[in-house]
Protein backbone atom coordinates (compact mmCIF):
# COMPACT_ATOMS: atom_id res chain seq x y z
CA UNK A 1 102.35 81.51 81.26
CA UNK A 2 102.61 84.93 79.29
CA UNK A 3 104.91 86.34 81.65
CA UNK A 4 107.14 83.53 81.66
CA UNK A 5 107.32 83.31 78.12
CA UNK A 6 108.68 87.02 77.91
CA UNK A 7 111.18 86.08 80.96
CA UNK A 8 112.60 83.15 78.34
CA UNK A 9 112.47 85.24 75.10
CA UNK A 10 114.12 88.44 77.18
CA UNK A 11 116.88 85.72 78.35
CA UNK A 12 117.32 84.18 75.15
CA UNK A 13 118.15 87.76 73.68
CA UNK A 14 121.00 87.98 76.20
CA UNK A 15 122.62 85.13 75.00
CA UNK A 16 126.15 86.26 73.40
CA UNK A 17 125.45 84.38 70.22
CA UNK A 18 122.27 86.79 69.96
CA UNK A 19 123.98 89.97 70.76
CA UNK A 20 126.91 89.59 68.41
CA UNK A 21 124.04 89.24 65.83
CA UNK A 22 122.73 92.22 66.55
CA UNK A 23 123.91 95.95 65.11
CA UNK A 24 127.50 97.03 65.62
CA UNK A 25 126.13 100.11 67.54
CA UNK A 26 123.87 98.36 69.83
CA UNK A 27 124.40 98.88 73.19
CA UNK A 28 124.29 95.28 74.69
CA UNK A 29 126.67 94.38 71.74
CA UNK A 30 129.20 96.85 72.97
CA UNK A 31 128.78 96.09 76.52
CA UNK A 32 129.65 92.58 75.86
CA UNK A 33 132.53 93.50 73.62
CA UNK A 34 133.87 95.39 76.37
CA UNK A 35 133.39 93.07 79.15
CA UNK A 36 135.59 90.27 76.88
CA UNK A 37 138.12 92.89 75.73
CA UNK A 38 138.77 93.47 79.37
CA UNK A 39 138.72 89.87 80.47
CA UNK A 40 141.30 88.94 77.65
CA UNK A 41 143.37 92.12 78.61
CA UNK A 42 143.69 90.70 82.33
CA UNK A 43 144.11 87.15 81.36
CA UNK A 44 146.60 87.68 79.33
CA UNK A 45 148.17 90.17 81.62
CA UNK A 46 148.36 87.59 84.22
CA UNK A 47 149.59 84.73 81.76
CA UNK A 48 152.42 87.21 81.04
CA UNK A 49 153.28 88.17 84.96
CA UNK A 50 152.96 84.44 86.10
CA UNK A 51 155.32 83.10 83.21
CA UNK A 52 158.15 86.12 84.04
CA UNK A 53 157.64 85.35 87.75
CA UNK A 54 158.37 81.60 87.65
CA UNK A 55 161.25 82.44 84.98
CA UNK A 56 162.93 84.86 87.26
CA UNK A 57 162.14 83.02 90.38
CA UNK A 58 159.75 85.55 91.90
CA UNK A 59 156.84 84.62 94.14
CA UNK A 60 153.75 85.71 91.66
CA UNK A 61 151.72 88.18 93.15
CA UNK A 62 149.13 88.77 90.41
CA UNK A 63 146.64 90.67 91.96
CA UNK A 64 149.02 93.13 93.53
CA UNK A 65 150.87 93.53 89.81
CA UNK A 66 147.26 94.15 88.28
CA UNK A 67 145.61 96.28 90.48
CA UNK A 68 148.24 98.33 91.71
CA UNK A 69 150.00 101.10 90.57
CA UNK A 70 152.90 100.85 93.10
CA UNK A 71 154.91 97.98 91.16
CA UNK A 72 155.31 100.08 88.15
CA UNK A 73 158.34 101.78 89.04
CA UNK A 74 161.53 102.83 86.73
CA UNK A 75 164.18 102.80 89.48
CA UNK A 76 164.46 99.07 90.02
CA UNK A 77 164.63 96.21 87.40
CA UNK A 78 161.43 94.33 88.73
CA UNK A 79 159.49 97.37 87.87
CA UNK A 80 160.65 98.00 84.43
CA UNK A 81 159.97 94.32 83.76
CA UNK A 82 156.33 94.89 84.49
CA UNK A 83 155.88 98.05 82.73
CA UNK A 84 157.30 96.44 79.69
CA UNK A 85 154.77 93.43 80.15
CA UNK A 86 151.98 95.72 80.18
CA UNK A 87 153.54 97.00 77.11
CA UNK A 88 153.58 93.28 75.51
CA UNK A 89 149.97 92.78 76.98
CA UNK A 90 148.80 95.63 75.17
CA UNK A 91 150.53 94.43 71.74
CA UNK A 92 148.84 91.12 72.17
CA UNK A 93 145.25 92.85 73.08
CA UNK A 94 145.44 94.66 69.60
CA UNK A 95 144.87 90.99 67.99
CA UNK A 96 141.58 90.82 70.38
CA UNK A 97 140.37 94.13 69.53
CA UNK A 98 140.84 93.27 65.92
CA UNK A 99 138.90 90.03 66.44
CA UNK A 100 136.12 91.28 69.01
CA UNK A 101 135.43 94.44 67.85
CA UNK A 102 136.92 94.36 64.18
CA UNK A 103 135.68 98.28 63.51
CA UNK A 104 138.28 100.96 62.89
CA UNK A 105 135.95 103.22 63.97
CA UNK A 106 135.39 101.67 67.14
CA UNK A 107 138.87 100.78 68.24
CA UNK A 108 139.88 104.13 69.60
CA UNK A 109 136.69 103.86 71.64
CA UNK A 110 137.67 100.45 73.25
CA UNK A 111 141.13 100.86 73.95
CA UNK A 112 140.58 104.15 75.42
CA UNK A 113 137.61 102.09 77.45
CA UNK A 114 139.88 99.59 78.54
CA UNK A 115 142.65 101.79 80.00
CA UNK A 116 139.72 103.91 81.83
CA UNK A 117 138.36 100.78 83.32
CA UNK A 118 142.17 99.85 84.30
CA UNK A 119 142.24 103.61 85.89
CA UNK A 120 139.12 102.80 87.92
CA UNK A 121 140.30 99.46 88.95
CA UNK A 122 143.87 100.85 90.20
CA UNK A 123 142.34 103.88 91.99
CA UNK A 124 139.60 101.90 93.75
CA UNK A 125 142.01 98.93 94.91
CA UNK A 126 144.97 101.01 96.17
CA UNK A 127 142.46 104.15 97.30
CA UNK A 128 145.31 106.55 95.82
CA UNK A 129 146.33 108.32 92.68
CA UNK A 130 148.43 106.54 90.30
CA UNK A 131 152.03 107.61 90.28
CA UNK A 132 153.15 109.28 87.26
CA UNK A 133 155.39 106.01 85.92
CA UNK A 134 152.01 104.16 85.85
CA UNK A 135 150.31 106.93 83.93
CA UNK A 136 153.46 106.86 81.52
CA UNK A 137 152.85 103.25 80.93
CA UNK A 138 149.47 103.20 80.52
CA UNK A 139 149.48 106.22 78.10
CA UNK A 140 151.91 104.23 75.98
CA UNK A 141 150.35 101.35 76.30
CA UNK A 142 146.63 103.28 75.19
CA UNK A 143 148.65 104.41 72.22
CA UNK A 144 149.72 101.08 71.11
CA UNK A 145 146.12 99.86 71.46
CA UNK A 146 144.95 102.78 69.57
CA UNK A 147 146.88 102.96 66.40
CA UNK A 148 147.61 99.21 66.15
CA UNK A 149 144.19 98.17 66.58
CA UNK A 150 142.92 101.06 64.43
CA UNK A 151 145.47 99.75 61.86
CA UNK A 152 144.62 96.00 62.11
CA UNK A 153 140.67 96.75 61.92
CA UNK A 154 140.96 98.88 59.38
CA UNK A 155 143.03 95.99 57.28
CA UNK A 156 140.44 93.56 58.26
CA UNK A 157 137.34 95.98 56.78
CA UNK A 158 139.18 96.72 53.80
CA UNK A 159 140.22 92.92 53.24
CA UNK A 160 136.89 91.49 53.67
CA UNK A 161 134.74 94.49 51.76
CA UNK A 162 137.20 95.46 48.73
CA UNK A 163 139.02 91.97 48.12
CA UNK A 164 135.81 89.83 47.99
CA UNK A 165 134.51 89.29 44.36
CA UNK A 166 137.47 90.77 42.69
CA UNK A 167 138.21 87.08 41.55
CA UNK A 168 135.69 85.46 39.03
CA UNK A 169 135.36 82.11 40.65
CA UNK A 170 133.47 80.80 37.61
CA UNK A 171 136.86 81.03 35.65
CA UNK A 172 139.04 77.95 35.77
CA UNK A 173 142.55 78.21 36.09
CA UNK A 174 144.25 76.42 32.65
CA UNK A 175 146.72 73.64 33.29
CA UNK A 176 150.49 74.40 33.51
CA UNK A 177 150.70 73.34 29.36
CA UNK A 178 148.20 76.35 28.50
CA UNK A 179 149.78 78.40 31.11
CA UNK A 180 153.04 78.49 29.52
CA UNK A 181 151.86 78.64 25.96
CA UNK A 182 149.30 81.52 26.58
CA UNK A 183 149.93 84.88 27.92
CA UNK A 184 146.77 85.63 29.44
CA UNK A 185 146.25 85.91 32.84
CA UNK A 186 145.46 82.90 35.00
CA UNK A 187 142.47 84.38 36.74
CA UNK A 188 139.90 87.33 35.22
CA UNK A 189 139.59 90.31 37.34
CA UNK A 190 135.79 91.54 37.51
CA UNK A 191 135.09 95.01 36.44
CA UNK A 192 133.97 96.81 39.61
CA UNK A 193 132.14 99.73 37.73
CA UNK A 194 129.88 97.36 35.93
CA UNK A 195 128.62 95.79 39.08
CA UNK A 196 126.78 98.89 39.96
């Protein structure tokens, strides 16, 4: 009986809702964030590739386009299009990085982890070292994810920490006749120094 309670308690601790309540540097939380971010990275790429294939009249070969480096080629239009779609995927994943991770200090780590896992997947799928053009696309993609992810995460952090509590919610906004007659501001800013 005691063993089953411990197992149930341990399984309860593995639920995503419980893991996301943990500290931001918890190994379980980081592992779950990596898995979710990687899933969104590949799901977004699959959606982009399938929409592009339907618009262009190609037969979609999503598995080959995601798991292989061979379609990324700068000598033909299909290879250039797939390269652009990988960069667009990285641009969309900036939003997911901001929402899932939300910390600018961790954005670099998660962006590089996503691309390192992608390299391992491509390497194990093809059993060959990727081409130079694939590395160029992945390098640019990682730069997009690193710098824009850091910037948006920093913006989210600053918005959440700095702008909270600046406006006094107890101060009522005067009606339009009072607003036009007085030169006083419509709301009162709190003094941050006196809140220490």
